[in-house]
Amino acid sequence: MSSQTRLTRAYQKALRIKFTNSDKFILFSDCHRGDGSFADDFANNRNIYMHALNQYYKNDFQYVELGDGDELWENLFFKDIIEANKNVFLLLKKFYDKKRLHMIYGNHDMVYRNPTIVKRNFSEYFDTTAGKNLPLMPSLTFNEAIVLENSETGQELFLTHGHQADFMNYVGWKFNRFFVRVLWKPLQVWGIKDPTSPAKNYIESEKVERRIKKWIADNGNIITIIGHTHRPHFPKPSENLLNFFNDGSCVHPRNITGIEIENGRISLIKWLIETNDDGVLQIVKEYIETPQQLSAYQ
């Protein structure tokens, strides 16, 4: 099966969610939540991520995670991840309880294709204060793709991780998982890059993105938003380019990037730590690309 066929299948089988221009979404991907060890890339940005997500929750955003939320290649057991990131999962639970949480799986959490594994991992958690297991997200589901349908304009936004365009990270993901878990993770402390990751391989990233752009060109230039390569990308309508977007990742050095959809507009943002005039560290949001009208993307 070709990458074009895999993308088409993901689009056709996608969960479809109606929205209006008054709805608000924040899209993050590639958090790679780990166990807090030296190999946990998420740990450095955990506080930034938590602050950003708290702000979005308070402001009634819906959260869409575009895959690779949990690092299940390096880590064999989900319990190690939730123990290191319990506050993160309890915040996700708040979105879940308000029906504002939408999850997509990627190559690093491909096991979430299996509803049994999802139920086992997310049904409950141990609360140390109560001294017993409490419900977490018992009915949580993961999808390969989501299509946001604007009920006012009919416009569609195709959201997926993007590994459909990467043969070894879609078809051969089990081999890559074994390679990373057994060989690469112990070497990561020495700065050796993961050779299976397009995020750390420029040539492979180019190939993946080129295949996805071909699919977009062959399918009516539908707005397509991915993660996977960790490379933020945001075309402006005036540039008359393909409607290919990438929200980046939550494991950049010193910042996280994402895509906001609000008031019928789309923007590329980053959250980072900076020092104010009094020398106080603070977490702030900046626009990488300022909001553009969704309706301008034809």
C-alpha atoms as a PDB file:
ATOM      1  CA  MET A   1       0.000   0.000   0.000  1.00  0.00           C
ATOM      2  CA  SER A   2       1.447   3.381  -1.027  1.00  0.00           C
ATOM      3  CA  SER A   3       1.693   6.454   1.184  1.00  0.00           C
ATOM      4  CA  GLN A   4      -0.996   8.095  -0.978  1.00  0.00           C
ATOM      5  CA  THR A   5      -3.366   5.198  -0.352  1.00  0.00           C
ATOM      6  CA  ARG A   6      -2.655   5.252   3.391  1.00  0.00           C
ATOM      7  CA  LEU A   7      -3.396   8.981   3.579  1.00  0.00           C
ATOM      8  CA  THR A   8      -6.583   8.571   1.557  1.00  0.00           C
ATOM      9  CA  ARG A   9      -7.740   5.743   3.805  1.00  0.00           C
ATOM     10  CA  ALA A  10      -7.024   7.841   6.923  1.00  0.00           C
ATOM     11  CA  TYR A  11      -9.024  10.730   5.457  1.00  0.00           C
ATOM     12  CA  GLN A  12     -11.963   8.534   4.465  1.00  0.00           C
ATOM     13  CA  LYS A  13     -12.130   6.805   7.862  1.00  0.00           C
ATOM     14  CA  ALA A  14     -11.460   9.925   9.929  1.00  0.00           C
ATOM     15  CA  LEU A  15     -13.607  10.953  12.864  1.00  0.00           C
ATOM     16  CA  ARG A  16     -15.619  13.945  11.674  1.00  0.00           C
ATOM     17  CA  ILE A  17     -16.248  16.815  14.069  1.00  0.00           C
ATOM     18  CA  LYS A  18     -18.523  19.728  13.224  1.00  0.00           C
ATOM     19  CA  PHE A  19     -17.404  23.188  14.313  1.00  0.00           C
ATOM     20  CA  THR A  20     -18.337  26.814  13.803  1.00  0.00           C
ATOM     21  CA  ASN A  21     -16.294  29.991  13.688  1.00  0.00           C
ATOM     22  CA  SER A  22     -17.043  30.525  17.376  1.00  0.00           C
ATOM     23  CA  ASP A  23     -15.273  27.287  18.349  1.00  0.00           C
ATOM     24  CA  LYS A  24     -11.664  27.300  19.495  1.00  0.00           C
ATOM     25  CA  PHE A  25      -9.025  24.582  19.081  1.00  0.00           C
ATOM     26  CA  ILE A  26      -5.392  24.196  20.087  1.00  0.00           C
ATOM     27  CA  LEU A  27      -3.390  21.572  18.209  1.00  0.00           C
ATOM     28  CA  PHE A  28      -0.220  20.141  19.722  1.00  0.00           C
ATOM     29  CA  SER A  29       1.677  17.016  18.705  1.00  0.00           C
ATOM     30  CA  ASP A  30       4.823  15.077  19.416  1.00  0.00           C
ATOM     31  CA  CYS A  31       4.883  15.623  23.170  1.00  0.00           C
ATOM     32  CA  HIS A  32       6.719  12.296  23.593  1.00  0.00           C
ATOM     33  CA  ARG A  33       5.783  12.201  27.270  1.00  0.00           C
ATOM     34  CA  GLY A  34       8.345   9.943  28.936  1.00  0.00           C
ATOM     35  CA  ASP A  35       9.372   8.546  32.295  1.00  0.00           C
ATOM     36  CA  GLY A  36      11.326  11.559  33.547  1.00  0.00           C
ATOM     37  CA  SER A  37      14.692   9.921  32.878  1.00  0.00           C
ATOM     38  CA  PHE A  38      17.662  11.393  31.001  1.00  0.00           C
ATOM     39  CA  ALA A  39      16.103  10.150  27.757  1.00  0.00           C
ATOM     40  CA  ASP A  40      12.801  11.990  28.352  1.00  0.00           C
ATOM     41  CA  ASP A  41      12.735  14.855  25.826  1.00  0.00           C
ATOM     42  CA  PHE A  42       9.398  16.124  27.156  1.00  0.00           C
ATOM     43  CA  ALA A  43      10.693  16.730  30.692  1.00  0.00           C
ATOM     44  CA  ASN A  44      12.485  19.982  29.790  1.00  0.00           C
ATOM     45  CA  ASN A  45       9.282  21.565  28.466  1.00  0.00           C
ATOM     46  CA  ARG A  46       6.752  20.043  30.864  1.00  0.00           C
ATOM     47  CA  ASN A  47       6.147  23.285  32.775  1.00  0.00           C
ATOM     48  CA  ILE A  48       5.709  25.281  29.563  1.00  0.00           C
ATOM     49  CA  TYR A  49       3.250  22.710  28.247  1.00  0.00           C
ATOM     50  CA  MET A  50       1.288  22.618  31.502  1.00  0.00           C
ATOM     51  CA  HIS A  51       0.982  26.393  31.667  1.00  0.00           C
ATOM     52  CA  ALA A  52      -0.067  26.674  28.022  1.00  0.00           C
ATOM     53  CA  LEU A  53      -2.652  23.911  28.302  1.00  0.00           C
ATOM     54  CA  ASN A  54      -4.055  25.426  31.488  1.00  0.00           C
ATOM     55  CA  GLN A  55      -4.574  28.728  29.678  1.00  0.00           C
ATOM     56  CA  TYR A  56      -6.356  26.978  26.818  1.00  0.00           C
ATOM     57  CA  TYR A  57      -8.575  25.089  29.254  1.00  0.00           C
ATOM     58  CA  LYS A  58      -9.544  28.280  31.075  1.00  0.00           C
ATOM     59  CA  ASN A  59     -10.377  29.924  27.747  1.00  0.00           C
ATOM     60  CA  ASP A  60     -12.664  27.117  26.515  1.00  0.00           C
ATOM     61  CA  PHE A  61     -10.412  25.702  23.816  1.00  0.00           C
ATOM     62  CA  GLN A  62     -10.764  22.140  22.607  1.00  0.00           C
ATOM     63  CA  TYR A  63      -7.507  20.188  22.646  1.00  0.00           C
ATOM     64  CA  VAL A  64      -6.468  18.055  19.689  1.00  0.00           C
ATOM     65  CA  GLU A  65      -3.297  15.991  20.051  1.00  0.00           C
ATOM     66  CA  LEU A  66      -1.910  14.962  16.667  1.00  0.00           C
ATOM     67  CA  GLY A  67      -0.043  11.830  17.696  1.00  0.00           C
ATOM     68  CA  ASP A  68       3.096  10.776  19.550  1.00  0.00           C
ATOM     69  CA  GLY A  69       1.685  12.146  22.775  1.00  0.00           C
ATOM     70  CA  ASP A  70       3.216   9.310  24.795  1.00  0.00           C
ATOM     71  CA  GLU A  71       6.706   7.927  24.201  1.00  0.00           C
ATOM     72  CA  LEU A  72       5.943   4.220  23.943  1.00  0.00           C
ATOM     73  CA  TRP A  73       9.011   3.249  21.959  1.00  0.00           C
ATOM     74  CA  GLU A  74      11.566   4.098  24.610  1.00  0.00           C
ATOM     75  CA  ASN A  75       9.258   3.135  27.486  1.00  0.00           C
ATOM     76  CA  LEU A  76       7.832  -0.343  27.814  1.00  0.00           C
ATOM     77  CA  PHE A  77       5.268   0.454  30.509  1.00  0.00           C
ATOM     78  CA  PHE A  78       2.668   3.225  30.435  1.00  0.00           C
ATOM     79  CA  LYS A  79       2.627   3.272  34.248  1.00  0.00           C
ATOM     80  CA  ASP A  80       6.125   4.780  34.208  1.00  0.00           C
ATOM     81  CA  ILE A  81       4.882   7.597  31.975  1.00  0.00           C
ATOM     82  CA  ILE A  82       1.800   8.427  34.023  1.00  0.00           C
ATOM     83  CA  GLU A  83       3.776   8.341  37.269  1.00  0.00           C
ATOM     84  CA  ALA A  84       6.191  10.922  35.848  1.00  0.00           C
ATOM     85  CA  ASN A  85       3.416  13.070  34.355  1.00  0.00           C
ATOM     86  CA  LYS A  86       0.375  12.590  36.603  1.00  0.00           C
ATOM     87  CA  ASN A  87      -0.364  16.328  36.676  1.00  0.00           C
ATOM     88  CA  VAL A  88      -0.382  16.383  32.866  1.00  0.00           C
ATOM     89  CA  PHE A  89      -2.868  13.518  32.622  1.00  0.00           C
ATOM     90  CA  LEU A  90      -5.104  15.061  35.266  1.00  0.00           C
ATOM     91  CA  LEU A  91      -5.175  18.230  33.173  1.00  0.00           C
ATOM     92  CA  LEU A  92      -6.051  16.192  30.077  1.00  0.00           C
ATOM     93  CA  LYS A  93      -8.815  14.634  32.161  1.00  0.00           C
ATOM     94  CA  LYS A  94     -10.328  18.092  32.670  1.00  0.00           C
ATOM     95  CA  PHE A  95     -10.585  18.503  28.897  1.00  0.00           C
ATOM     96  CA  TYR A  96     -11.968  14.961  28.646  1.00  0.00           C
ATOM     97  CA  ASP A  97     -14.634  15.609  31.287  1.00  0.00           C
ATOM     98  CA  LYS A  98     -15.804  18.672  29.321  1.00  0.00           C
ATOM     99  CA  LYS A  99     -15.818  16.660  26.034  1.00  0.00           C
ATOM    100  CA  ARG A 100     -13.074  18.890  24.685  1.00  0.00           C
ATOM    101  CA  LEU A 101     -10.339  16.262  24.194  1.00  0.00           C
ATOM    102  CA  HIS A 102      -9.588  14.653  20.809  1.00  0.00           C
ATOM    103  CA  MET A 103      -6.698  12.228  20.474  1.00  0.00           C
ATOM    104  CA  ILE A 104      -4.865  10.963  17.387  1.00  0.00           C
ATOM    105  CA  TYR A 105      -2.215   8.264  17.512  1.00  0.00           C
ATOM    106  CA  GLY A 106       1.180   8.455  15.819  1.00  0.00           C
ATOM    107  CA  ASN A 107       3.981   6.007  15.221  1.00  0.00           C
ATOM    108  CA  HIS A 108       5.378   6.263  18.774  1.00  0.00           C
ATOM    109  CA  ASP A 109       1.975   5.500  20.303  1.00  0.00           C
ATOM    110  CA  MET A 110       0.658   3.290  17.500  1.00  0.00           C
ATOM    111  CA  VAL A 111      -0.449   0.742  20.099  1.00  0.00           C
ATOM    112  CA  TYR A 112      -3.383   3.057  20.807  1.00  0.00           C
ATOM    113  CA  ARG A 113      -4.975   1.682  17.636  1.00  0.00           C
ATOM    114  CA  ASN A 114      -6.013  -1.108  19.981  1.00  0.00           C
ATOM    115  CA  PRO A 115      -8.992  -0.017  22.144  1.00  0.00           C
ATOM    116  CA  THR A 116      -8.125  -2.682  24.713  1.00  0.00           C
ATOM    117  CA  ILE A 117      -4.730  -1.079  25.363  1.00  0.00           C
ATOM    118  CA  VAL A 118      -6.294   2.388  25.547  1.00  0.00           C
ATOM    119  CA  LYS A 119      -8.854   1.187  28.081  1.00  0.00           C
ATOM    120  CA  ARG A 120      -6.195  -0.561  30.168  1.00  0.00           C
ATOM    121  CA  ASN A 121      -3.981   2.542  30.271  1.00  0.00           C
ATOM    122  CA  PHE A 122      -6.547   5.287  30.695  1.00  0.00           C
ATOM    123  CA  SER A 123      -9.501   3.825  32.605  1.00  0.00           C
ATOM    124  CA  GLU A 124      -8.164   4.655  36.055  1.00  0.00           C
ATOM    125  CA  TYR A 125      -5.204   5.891  38.033  1.00  0.00           C
ATOM    126  CA  PHE A 126      -4.022   5.484  41.596  1.00  0.00           C
ATOM    127  CA  ASP A 127      -4.717   8.526  43.736  1.00  0.00           C
ATOM    128  CA  THR A 128      -2.235   8.676  46.602  1.00  0.00           C
ATOM    129  CA  THR A 129      -4.446  10.994  48.671  1.00  0.00           C
ATOM    130  CA  ALA A 130      -7.511   8.777  48.405  1.00  0.00           C
ATOM    131  CA  GLY A 131      -5.383   5.636  48.606  1.00  0.00           C
ATOM    132  CA  LYS A 132      -7.318   3.936  45.819  1.00  0.00           C
ATOM    133  CA  ASN A 133      -7.875   3.845  42.081  1.00  0.00           C
ATOM    134  CA  LEU A 134     -10.076   6.600  40.643  1.00  0.00           C
ATOM    135  CA  PRO A 135     -11.525   7.026  37.131  1.00  0.00           C
ATOM    136  CA  LEU A 136      -9.216   8.751  34.680  1.00  0.00           C
ATOM    137  CA  MET A 137     -10.590   8.767  31.113  1.00  0.00           C
ATOM    138  CA  PRO A 138     -12.466   5.444  30.888  1.00  0.00           C
ATOM    139  CA  SER A 139     -14.103   6.051  27.495  1.00  0.00           C
ATOM    140  CA  LEU A 140     -11.158   7.726  25.790  1.00  0.00           C
ATOM    141  CA  THR A 141     -10.669   6.838  22.125  1.00  0.00           C
ATOM    142  CA  PHE A 142      -7.803   7.425  19.704  1.00  0.00           C
ATOM    143  CA  ASN A 143      -8.240   7.945  15.966  1.00  0.00           C
ATOM    144  CA  GLU A 144      -5.861   7.804  13.043  1.00  0.00           C
ATOM    145  CA  ALA A 145      -7.278  11.064  11.741  1.00  0.00           C
ATOM    146  CA  ILE A 146      -9.879  13.733  12.416  1.00  0.00           C
ATOM    147  CA  VAL A 147     -11.654  15.952   9.914  1.00  0.00           C
ATOM    148  CA  LEU A 148     -12.944  19.238  11.283  1.00  0.00           C
ATOM    149  CA  GLU A 149     -15.981  20.298   9.248  1.00  0.00           C
ATOM    150  CA  ASN A 150     -17.036  23.931   9.377  1.00  0.00           C
ATOM    151  CA  SER A 151     -20.822  23.792   9.481  1.00  0.00           C
ATOM    152  CA  GLU A 152     -21.010  27.436   8.365  1.00  0.00           C
ATOM    153  CA  THR A 153     -18.754  27.235   5.296  1.00  0.00           C
ATOM    154  CA  GLY A 154     -18.413  23.507   4.564  1.00  0.00           C
ATOM    155  CA  GLN A 155     -14.622  23.825   4.704  1.00  0.00           C
ATOM    156  CA  GLU A 156     -12.698  20.763   5.921  1.00  0.00           C
ATOM    157  CA  LEU A 157      -9.461  20.488   7.878  1.00  0.00           C
ATOM    158  CA  PHE A 158      -7.739  17.111   7.731  1.00  0.00           C
ATOM    159  CA  LEU A 159      -5.768  16.391  10.912  1.00  0.00           C
ATOM    160  CA  THR A 160      -3.426  13.409  11.214  1.00  0.00           C
ATOM    161  CA  HIS A 161       0.028  12.577  12.507  1.00  0.00           C
ATOM    162  CA  GLY A 162       1.679  12.262   9.093  1.00  0.00           C
ATOM    163  CA  HIS A 163       3.506   8.948   9.518  1.00  0.00           C
ATOM    164  CA  GLN A 164       1.316   7.495   6.772  1.00  0.00           C
ATOM    165  CA  ALA A 165       3.865   9.024   4.386  1.00  0.00           C
ATOM    166  CA  ASP A 166       6.755   7.294   6.161  1.00  0.00           C
ATOM    167  CA  PHE A 167       6.918   3.572   5.369  1.00  0.00           C
ATOM    168  CA  MET A 168       9.249   2.467   8.175  1.00  0.00           C
ATOM    169  CA  ASN A 169       7.355   4.481  10.779  1.00  0.00           C
ATOM    170  CA  TYR A 170       3.954   3.199   9.654  1.00  0.00           C
ATOM    171  CA  VAL A 171       4.405  -0.316   8.319  1.00  0.00           C
ATOM    172  CA  GLY A 172       7.731  -1.007  10.030  1.00  0.00           C
ATOM    173  CA  TRP A 173       7.003   0.738  13.314  1.00  0.00           C
ATOM    174  CA  LYS A 174       7.523  -2.402  15.410  1.00  0.00           C
ATOM    175  CA  PHE A 175      11.048  -2.843  14.064  1.00  0.00           C
ATOM    176  CA  ASN A 176      11.844   0.802  14.727  1.00  0.00           C
ATOM    177  CA  ARG A 177      10.384   0.546  18.227  1.00  0.00           C
ATOM    178  CA  PHE A 178      12.616  -2.442  18.985  1.00  0.00           C
ATOM    179  CA  PHE A 179      15.666  -0.627  17.612  1.00  0.00           C
ATOM    180  CA  VAL A 180      14.996   2.518  19.653  1.00  0.00           C
ATOM    181  CA  ARG A 181      14.121   0.702  22.869  1.00  0.00           C
ATOM    182  CA  VAL A 182      17.026  -1.712  22.862  1.00  0.00           C
ATOM    183  CA  LEU A 183      19.830   0.231  21.190  1.00  0.00           C
ATOM    184  CA  TRP A 184      19.245   3.924  20.853  1.00  0.00           C
ATOM    185  CA  LYS A 185      17.769   4.901  24.233  1.00  0.00           C
ATOM    186  CA  PRO A 186      20.893   3.865  26.203  1.00  0.00           C
ATOM    187  CA  LEU A 187      23.020   5.832  23.722  1.00  0.00           C
ATOM    188  CA  GLN A 188      20.903   8.979  23.788  1.00  0.00           C
ATOM    189  CA  VAL A 189      22.742  10.258  26.861  1.00  0.00           C
ATOM    190  CA  TRP A 190      25.850  10.486  24.686  1.00  0.00           C
ATOM    191  CA  GLY A 191      24.041  12.672  22.147  1.00  0.00           C
ATOM    192  CA  ILE A 192      23.664  10.011  19.464  1.00  0.00           C
ATOM    193  CA  LYS A 193      20.685  10.872  17.272  1.00  0.00           C
ATOM    194  CA  ASP A 194      17.881   8.429  16.593  1.00  0.00           C
ATOM    195  CA  PRO A 195      18.372   7.285  12.975  1.00  0.00           C
ATOM    196  CA  THR A 196      14.737   6.115  12.717  1.00  0.00           C
ATOM    197  CA  SER A 197      13.328   9.593  13.389  1.00  0.00           C
ATOM    198  CA  PRO A 198      12.478  11.968  10.538  1.00  0.00           C
ATOM    199  CA  ALA A 199      12.540  14.748  13.126  1.00  0.00           C
ATOM    200  CA  LYS A 200      16.315  14.262  13.349  1.00  0.00           C
ATOM    201  CA  ASN A 201      16.891  13.409   9.695  1.00  0.00           C
ATOM    202  CA  TYR A 202      16.477  16.352   7.313  1.00  0.00           C
ATOM    203  CA  ILE A 203      16.475  14.271   4.148  1.00  0.00           C
ATOM    204  CA  GLU A 204      13.811  11.923   5.509  1.00  0.00           C
ATOM    205  CA  SER A 205      11.695  14.882   6.655  1.00  0.00           C
ATOM    206  CA  GLU A 206      11.812  16.327   3.151  1.00  0.00           C
ATOM    207  CA  LYS A 207      10.652  13.023   1.665  1.00  0.00           C
ATOM    208  CA  VAL A 208       7.766  12.668   4.100  1.00  0.00           C
ATOM    209  CA  GLU A 209       6.559  16.226   3.583  1.00  0.00           C
ATOM    210  CA  ARG A 210       6.892  15.947  -0.194  1.00  0.00           C
ATOM    211  CA  ARG A 211       4.632  12.859  -0.220  1.00  0.00           C
ATOM    212  CA  ILE A 212       2.027  14.626   1.922  1.00  0.00           C
ATOM    213  CA  LYS A 213       2.103  17.697  -0.322  1.00  0.00           C
ATOM    214  CA  LYS A 214       1.515  15.447  -3.320  1.00  0.00           C
ATOM    215  CA  TRP A 215      -1.544  13.988  -1.603  1.00  0.00           C
ATOM    216  CA  ILE A 216      -2.846  17.500  -0.874  1.00  0.00           C
ATOM    217  CA  ALA A 217      -2.320  18.535  -4.505  1.00  0.00           C
ATOM    218  CA  ASP A 218      -4.172  15.437  -5.713  1.00  0.00           C
ATOM    219  CA  ASN A 219      -7.085  15.917  -3.307  1.00  0.00           C
ATOM    220  CA  GLY A 220      -8.415  19.386  -3.879  1.00  0.00           C
ATOM    221  CA  ASN A 221      -5.801  21.255  -1.807  1.00  0.00           C
ATOM    222  CA  ILE A 222      -7.623  20.407   1.413  1.00  0.00           C
ATOM    223  CA  ILE A 223      -6.126  22.035   4.508  1.00  0.00           C
ATOM    224  CA  THR A 224      -3.948  19.297   6.012  1.00  0.00           C
ATOM    225  CA  ILE A 225      -2.296  19.625   9.419  1.00  0.00           C
ATOM    226  CA  ILE A 226       0.317  17.124  10.634  1.00  0.00           C
ATOM    227  CA  GLY A 227       3.132  16.698  13.133  1.00  0.00           C
ATOM    228  CA  HIS A 228       5.674  13.845  12.897  1.00  0.00           C
ATOM    229  CA  THR A 229       8.627  15.735  11.389  1.00  0.00           C
ATOM    230  CA  HIS A 230       8.630  18.331  14.227  1.00  0.00           C
ATOM    231  CA  ARG A 231       9.100  21.101  11.628  1.00  0.00           C
ATOM    232  CA  PRO A 232       6.559  23.938  11.980  1.00  0.00           C
ATOM    233  CA  HIS A 233       5.114  25.012   8.645  1.00  0.00           C
ATOM    234  CA  PHE A 234       2.441  27.602   7.908  1.00  0.00           C
ATOM    235  CA  PRO A 235       1.595  28.801   4.381  1.00  0.00           C
ATOM    236  CA  LYS A 236      -0.003  32.207   3.985  1.00  0.00           C
ATOM    237  CA  PRO A 237      -2.991  32.493   1.648  1.00  0.00           C
ATOM    238  CA  SER A 238      -1.275  35.279  -0.305  1.00  0.00           C
ATOM    239  CA  GLU A 239       1.565  32.913  -1.200  1.00  0.00           C
ATOM    240  CA  ASN A 240      -0.804  30.650  -3.172  1.00  0.00           C
ATOM    241  CA  LEU A 241       0.939  27.531  -1.851  1.00  0.00           C
ATOM    242  CA  LEU A 242      -0.390  24.092  -1.005  1.00  0.00           C
ATOM    243  CA  ASN A 243      -2.452  24.085   2.200  1.00  0.00           C
ATOM    244  CA  PHE A 244       0.150  22.071   4.125  1.00  0.00           C
ATOM    245  CA  PHE A 245       0.525  22.868   7.832  1.00  0.00           C
ATOM    246  CA  ASN A 246       2.743  21.375  10.527  1.00  0.00           C
ATOM    247  CA  ASP A 247       2.260  22.261  14.197  1.00  0.00           C
ATOM    248  CA  GLY A 248       5.871  21.394  15.091  1.00  0.00           C
ATOM    249  CA  SER A 249       6.336  19.644  18.439  1.00  0.00           C
ATOM    250  CA  CYS A 250       6.472  20.013  22.207  1.00  0.00           C
ATOM    251  CA  VAL A 251      10.112  18.893  22.402  1.00  0.00           C
ATOM    252  CA  HIS A 252      11.903  21.785  20.741  1.00  0.00           C
ATOM    253  CA  PRO A 253      14.787  23.130  22.813  1.00  0.00           C
ATOM    254  CA  ARG A 254      13.269  25.665  25.234  1.00  0.00           C
ATOM    255  CA  ASN A 255       9.837  26.029  23.586  1.00  0.00           C
ATOM    256  CA  ILE A 256       6.752  24.258  22.303  1.00  0.00           C
ATOM    257  CA  THR A 257       4.860  25.058  19.111  1.00  0.00           C
ATOM    258  CA  GLY A 258       1.271  24.522  18.087  1.00  0.00           C
ATOM    259  CA  ILE A 259      -1.568  25.688  15.883  1.00  0.00           C
ATOM    260  CA  GLU A 260      -4.519  27.699  17.143  1.00  0.00           C
ATOM    261  CA  ILE A 261      -7.913  27.895  15.470  1.00  0.00           C
ATOM    262  CA  GLU A 262     -10.096  30.689  16.840  1.00  0.00           C
ATOM    263  CA  ASN A 263     -12.796  33.005  15.452  1.00  0.00           C
ATOM    264  CA  GLY A 264     -12.513  31.408  12.021  1.00  0.00           C
ATOM    265  CA  ARG A 265      -8.777  32.078  11.882  1.00  0.00           C
ATOM    266  CA  ILE A 266      -5.688  29.894  12.080  1.00  0.00           C
ATOM    267  CA  SER A 267      -2.247  30.773  13.473  1.00  0.00           C
ATOM    268  CA  LEU A 268       1.085  29.194  14.357  1.00  0.00           C
ATOM    269  CA  ILE A 269       2.225  29.908  17.905  1.00  0.00           C
ATOM    270  CA  LYS A 270       4.981  29.043  20.347  1.00  0.00           C
ATOM    271  CA  TRP A 271       5.174  29.106  24.127  1.00  0.00           C
ATOM    272  CA  LEU A 272       8.514  29.759  25.793  1.00  0.00           C
ATOM    273  CA  ILE A 273      10.214  31.006  28.953  1.00  0.00           C
ATOM    274  CA  GLU A 274      11.600  34.523  28.842  1.00  0.00           C
ATOM    275  CA  THR A 275      12.802  37.139  31.329  1.00  0.00           C
ATOM    276  CA  ASN A 276      10.807  40.309  31.908  1.00  0.00           C
ATOM    277  CA  ASP A 277      12.331  43.732  32.662  1.00  0.00           C
ATOM    278  CA  ASP A 278      12.570  42.872  36.371  1.00  0.00           C
ATOM    279  CA  GLY A 279      14.518  39.694  35.702  1.00  0.00           C
ATOM    280  CA  VAL A 280      11.564  37.445  36.524  1.00  0.00           C
ATOM    281  CA  LEU A 281      11.153  34.308  34.439  1.00  0.00           C
ATOM    282  CA  GLN A 282       7.731  33.964  32.840  1.00  0.00           C
ATOM    283  CA  ILE A 283       6.024  31.726  30.303  1.00  0.00           C
ATOM    284  CA  VAL A 284       4.676  33.667  27.335  1.00  0.00           C
ATOM    285  CA  LYS A 285       3.007  33.005  24.007  1.00  0.00           C
ATOM    286  CA  GLU A 286       4.311  34.428  20.758  1.00  0.00           C
ATOM    287  CA  TYR A 287       2.988  34.250  17.215  1.00  0.00           C
ATOM    288  CA  ILE A 288       5.293  32.596  14.726  1.00  0.00           C
ATOM    289  CA  GLU A 289       2.696  33.293  12.038  1.00  0.00           C
ATOM    290  CA  THR A 290      -0.146  35.695  12.803  1.00  0.00           C
ATOM    291  CA  PRO A 291      -3.803  34.633  12.446  1.00  0.00           C
ATOM    292  CA  GLN A 292      -5.121  34.152   8.919  1.00  0.00           C
ATOM    293  CA  GLN A 293      -8.725  33.678   7.859  1.00  0.00           C
ATOM    294  CA  LEU A 294      -9.492  29.999   7.225  1.00  0.00           C
ATOM    295  CA  SER A 295     -11.834  31.061   4.441  1.00  0.00           C
ATOM    296  CA  ALA A 296      -8.846  32.527   2.565  1.00  0.00           C
ATOM    297  CA  TYR A 297      -7.443  29.022   2.026  1.00  0.00           C
ATOM    298  CA  GLN A 298      -9.094  27.702  -1.110  1.00  0.00           C
END
